[in-house]
Amino acid sequence: MGGLSNTSLASKIANQMLRLYCRRNFVPSNSIETARRNMNRVAAVRSALLNKKFPRAHFEATTLGGVVTEKIHVEGEQQAGCLLYFHGGGYFMGSIATHRGFGLRLSFRSKRPVYLIEYRLAPENPYPAALEDALASYRALTEIHPPKSIVIGGDSAGGGLALALLLKLKEMGGPFPSGVFCLSPWTDLSCSEESHRFNSKNDYMFQPEHFEQWAPLYLGKESPTHPLISPLYGDPSGLPPLFIQVGASEMLLDDSRSFARKAREAGVEVELEVWDGMQHVWQIALPHLPESKQAVQKMLAFINKRLPENGPTPR
């Protein structure tokens, strides 16, 4: 378990700005359409700046297993392997557009292509739609890159989806990717972890009502303890190496700690970092916060360890 014990002034200011914004615009009473629109509005501003900052970036519209996908890469020296990334958004919002900026920065810093997928969203498409799309995209990607040259990542619901995919692959007999990194993954849609209570006043982005309203959208008629919906209730034995980062102030703190503990007890190689003073998925603030830069550097160290420079090449 690692991270920073002292929060930078920049992050303290950013956290207060986040709190003000979320209390005004990201409220539980918002409709699905309003929540999606607010998330997309923020993403549109960030995306408009990408071409100016990264003139050598390429965004290739494609499909993987029939799933709409964007392949992001930056011209220049490239290392072997690739990243498959699942966006967050509570399973009912988020898109390639909302996470394009983060995907680009991951591609730029890792020197590898990043594949972002447009998995189907609830409530129009509840479980198992997102998992089916994650599985289809991964299996199609293994026809381009050997499994051991793929690292999967995801934030929030996307992190939970990445772990659910591993459990599904285990059920099917593999093959597994080389590793998985998760940023504040949502691993328990029953919302029963203790941090949902003791961090409810420390989490500047979410309120308990958020998760209580969002979970049923994805569940459909399934139980919240279904292991392919809430990976915390699955058997993690035999999974590939995992890297998990979470903020100490998040309501989802124990979603990470409990899953990491269960995975370690099952013999899985797990790196868990709990970062003091950090809010939900602070890494996406890259490059504006020092903690975002440092967290991504640690994440890249995990990726580079799993995908060495002279690793498997695309088929």
Foldseek 3Di string as FASTA:
>chain_A
DAADPDFDPLLVVVLVVLLVCQVPQVDLPDDLVSLQVVLLVVLVVVVVCVCVVQVQKDWDFDAFLNWTKTKIAGDDDAFAAEEEEEEDDLQAHDACSSCVVVQNVLRVVLRHIYMYTGFDGWPVDAPPRRLVRVLRRVVRVCLWFPQLRYEYEYEACRLLSVLLNQLVQVVVVDDHHLEYEYFLYQQFLVLPDPLLPVLQVLASNDHNSNSVVSSCRRQPPHDRLPCSNRVLNPQLAPGHEYEYEYEPNESSVVSVVSSQVRNVVNPYHYHYYYYYPDHGPCLSVPPSGPSNVVVVVVVSVVSCVSRPRPHTHTD
